[in-house]
Each structure stands twice: as structure tokens, then as C-alpha cells.
Amino acid sequence: MPHPGRFEDLLAGCFAAARAPLSWSAGALRGLTAPTLLVIGDTDCVRVERAAGMQRLIPRPAALPATTRMTLMRRTSLFPPPPDEFLG
């Protein structure tokens, strides 16, 4: 839980995490055992080209226009309904 007196530390940690390289290896993605729906925004830190490669490892990625993982919740009309097999 963030502490009001350490808000700047929280922001610094968030910015550092956003700038850090992604470490999703092909082996890690292939090793997922739970149903996984990969959704990216076309302006997010994962480029559409990389997601295309990930698609071979995780089915059903979707690229949402002008969207990042941070703005996704404000653009729910763009989010496709999950496939029945994903919901189980």
C-alpha cells in the first residue's frame, strides 16, 4: 500500500518499471499453463510486430488502436468480448 509521504518513491518505481526491458522469452510464453489472452495497444511498450511473434506462442492477441495498457480501461468499447473457450 502506498504511503502518502513516499508518493515520489512510488512514481519513481513505476517509471523505472515502465522503462525496463520486457523479459518475456519464447520459452516462458510457451510454458504458460493457464489460458492466456494477450491484448496489446498499438501505442503500448510491446510493439505490434513483437506481438505478432508472440501470437505464434499465445493464441488470440488483439491490437487495440491508440491504446496502452494504462488507457485500456477507458476504452472498453474497443475490447472484444473474450472467446467462450477462454472463459471456460
C-alpha atoms as a PDB file:
ATOM      1  CA  MET A   1       0.000   0.000   0.000  1.00  0.00           C
ATOM      2  CA  PRO A   2       1.477   3.368  -0.965  1.00  0.00           C
ATOM      3  CA  HIS A   3       2.336   5.749   1.850  1.00  0.00           C
ATOM      4  CA  PRO A   4       1.410   9.403   1.164  1.00  0.00           C
ATOM      5  CA  GLY A   5       4.828  10.583   2.341  1.00  0.00           C
ATOM      6  CA  ARG A   6       6.577   8.299  -0.162  1.00  0.00           C
ATOM      7  CA  PHE A   7       4.482   9.067  -3.245  1.00  0.00           C
ATOM      8  CA  GLU A   8       7.528  10.265  -5.196  1.00  0.00           C
ATOM      9  CA  ASP A   9       9.238   6.916  -4.488  1.00  0.00           C
ATOM     10  CA  LEU A  10       6.161   5.109  -5.811  1.00  0.00           C
ATOM     11  CA  LEU A  11       6.202   7.169  -9.007  1.00  0.00           C
ATOM     12  CA  ALA A  12       9.931   6.601  -9.460  1.00  0.00           C
ATOM     13  CA  GLY A  13       9.385   2.844  -9.158  1.00  0.00           C
ATOM     14  CA  CYS A  14       6.512   2.933 -11.653  1.00  0.00           C
ATOM     15  CA  PHE A  15       8.567   4.892 -14.186  1.00  0.00           C
ATOM     16  CA  ALA A  16      11.558   2.565 -13.736  1.00  0.00           C
ATOM     17  CA  ALA A  17       9.345  -0.476 -14.324  1.00  0.00           C
ATOM     18  CA  ALA A  18       7.849   1.114 -17.441  1.00  0.00           C
ATOM     19  CA  ARG A  19      11.330   1.779 -18.881  1.00  0.00           C
ATOM     20  CA  ALA A  20      12.730  -1.664 -18.033  1.00  0.00           C
ATOM     21  CA  PRO A  21      13.122  -4.130 -20.903  1.00  0.00           C
ATOM     22  CA  LEU A  22      10.491  -6.813 -21.144  1.00  0.00           C
ATOM     23  CA  SER A  23      11.728 -10.276 -20.270  1.00  0.00           C
ATOM     24  CA  TRP A  24       9.063 -12.451 -21.839  1.00  0.00           C
ATOM     25  CA  SER A  25      11.092 -15.121 -23.549  1.00  0.00           C
ATOM     26  CA  ALA A  26       9.663 -17.554 -26.071  1.00  0.00           C
ATOM     27  CA  GLY A  27      10.275 -20.357 -23.588  1.00  0.00           C
ATOM     28  CA  ALA A  28       8.415 -18.525 -20.827  1.00  0.00           C
ATOM     29  CA  LEU A  29       5.456 -17.863 -23.112  1.00  0.00           C
ATOM     30  CA  ARG A  30       5.391 -21.473 -24.312  1.00  0.00           C
ATOM     31  CA  GLY A  31       5.480 -22.566 -20.674  1.00  0.00           C
ATOM     32  CA  LEU A  32       2.232 -20.828 -19.716  1.00  0.00           C
ATOM     33  CA  THR A  33      -0.219 -23.406 -18.440  1.00  0.00           C
ATOM     34  CA  ALA A  34      -3.265 -21.225 -17.772  1.00  0.00           C
ATOM     35  CA  PRO A  35      -5.460 -19.947 -20.610  1.00  0.00           C
ATOM     36  CA  THR A  36      -3.935 -16.590 -21.551  1.00  0.00           C
ATOM     37  CA  LEU A  37      -5.489 -13.782 -23.532  1.00  0.00           C
ATOM     38  CA  LEU A  38      -2.808 -11.398 -24.796  1.00  0.00           C
ATOM     39  CA  VAL A  39      -4.090  -7.900 -25.515  1.00  0.00           C
ATOM     40  CA  ILE A  40      -1.855  -5.034 -26.591  1.00  0.00           C
ATOM     41  CA  GLY A  41      -2.445  -1.454 -27.582  1.00  0.00           C
ATOM     42  CA  ASP A  42      -0.850  -0.197 -30.758  1.00  0.00           C
ATOM     43  CA  THR A  43       0.962   2.546 -28.796  1.00  0.00           C
ATOM     44  CA  ASP A  44       1.997   0.367 -25.873  1.00  0.00           C
ATOM     45  CA  CYS A  45       5.538  -0.682 -24.919  1.00  0.00           C
ATOM     46  CA  VAL A  46       5.060  -4.029 -26.706  1.00  0.00           C
ATOM     47  CA  ARG A  47       5.211  -3.237 -30.400  1.00  0.00           C
ATOM     48  CA  VAL A  48       2.613  -4.785 -32.694  1.00  0.00           C
ATOM     49  CA  GLU A  49       5.448  -6.537 -34.543  1.00  0.00           C
ATOM     50  CA  ARG A  50       6.585  -8.268 -31.350  1.00  0.00           C
ATOM     51  CA  ALA A  51       3.013  -9.254 -30.551  1.00  0.00           C
ATOM     52  CA  ALA A  52       2.794 -10.874 -33.974  1.00  0.00           C
ATOM     53  CA  GLY A  53       5.684 -13.096 -32.937  1.00  0.00           C
ATOM     54  CA  MET A  54       4.041 -13.752 -29.590  1.00  0.00           C
ATOM     55  CA  GLN A  55       0.871 -14.781 -31.415  1.00  0.00           C
ATOM     56  CA  ARG A  56       2.606 -17.964 -32.518  1.00  0.00           C
ATOM     57  CA  LEU A  57       3.174 -18.778 -28.852  1.00  0.00           C
ATOM     58  CA  ILE A  58      -0.052 -17.419 -27.304  1.00  0.00           C
ATOM     59  CA  PRO A  59      -3.217 -17.537 -29.383  1.00  0.00           C
ATOM     60  CA  ARG A  60      -5.594 -14.593 -29.709  1.00  0.00           C
ATOM     61  CA  PRO A  61      -3.595 -11.396 -29.250  1.00  0.00           C
ATOM     62  CA  ALA A  62      -5.568  -8.279 -30.141  1.00  0.00           C
ATOM     63  CA  ALA A  63      -4.077  -4.862 -31.023  1.00  0.00           C
ATOM     64  CA  LEU A  64      -6.314  -2.002 -29.966  1.00  0.00           C
ATOM     65  CA  PRO A  65      -5.757   1.311 -31.829  1.00  0.00           C
ATOM     66  CA  ALA A  66      -4.255   4.284 -29.972  1.00  0.00           C
ATOM     67  CA  THR A  67      -4.250   2.318 -26.729  1.00  0.00           C
ATOM     68  CA  THR A  68      -1.773   1.413 -23.996  1.00  0.00           C
ATOM     69  CA  ARG A  69      -2.223  -0.857 -21.002  1.00  0.00           C
ATOM     70  CA  MET A  70      -2.774   2.329 -18.998  1.00  0.00           C
ATOM     71  CA  THR A  71      -5.566   3.695 -21.223  1.00  0.00           C
ATOM     72  CA  LEU A  72      -7.232   0.345 -21.900  1.00  0.00           C
ATOM     73  CA  MET A  73      -9.746   0.684 -19.065  1.00  0.00           C
ATOM     74  CA  ARG A  74     -11.012   3.982 -20.516  1.00  0.00           C
ATOM     75  CA  ARG A  75     -11.521   2.388 -23.943  1.00  0.00           C
ATOM     76  CA  THR A  76     -13.565  -0.679 -23.060  1.00  0.00           C
ATOM     77  CA  SER A  77     -15.725  -0.297 -26.160  1.00  0.00           C
ATOM     78  CA  LEU A  78     -12.667  -1.383 -28.200  1.00  0.00           C
ATOM     79  CA  PHE A  79     -12.089  -4.502 -26.135  1.00  0.00           C
ATOM     80  CA  PRO A  80     -13.539  -7.565 -27.818  1.00  0.00           C
ATOM     81  CA  PRO A  81     -15.594  -9.968 -25.712  1.00  0.00           C
ATOM     82  CA  PRO A  82     -13.499 -12.923 -24.539  1.00  0.00           C
ATOM     83  CA  PRO A  83     -13.995 -16.124 -26.506  1.00  0.00           C
ATOM     84  CA  ASP A  84     -16.128 -18.738 -24.784  1.00  0.00           C
ATOM     85  CA  GLU A  85     -13.229 -21.184 -24.564  1.00  0.00           C
ATOM     86  CA  PHE A  86     -11.183 -18.561 -22.667  1.00  0.00           C
ATOM     87  CA  LEU A  87     -13.936 -18.133 -20.085  1.00  0.00           C
ATOM     88  CA  GLY A  88     -14.079 -21.892 -19.629  1.00  0.00           C
END
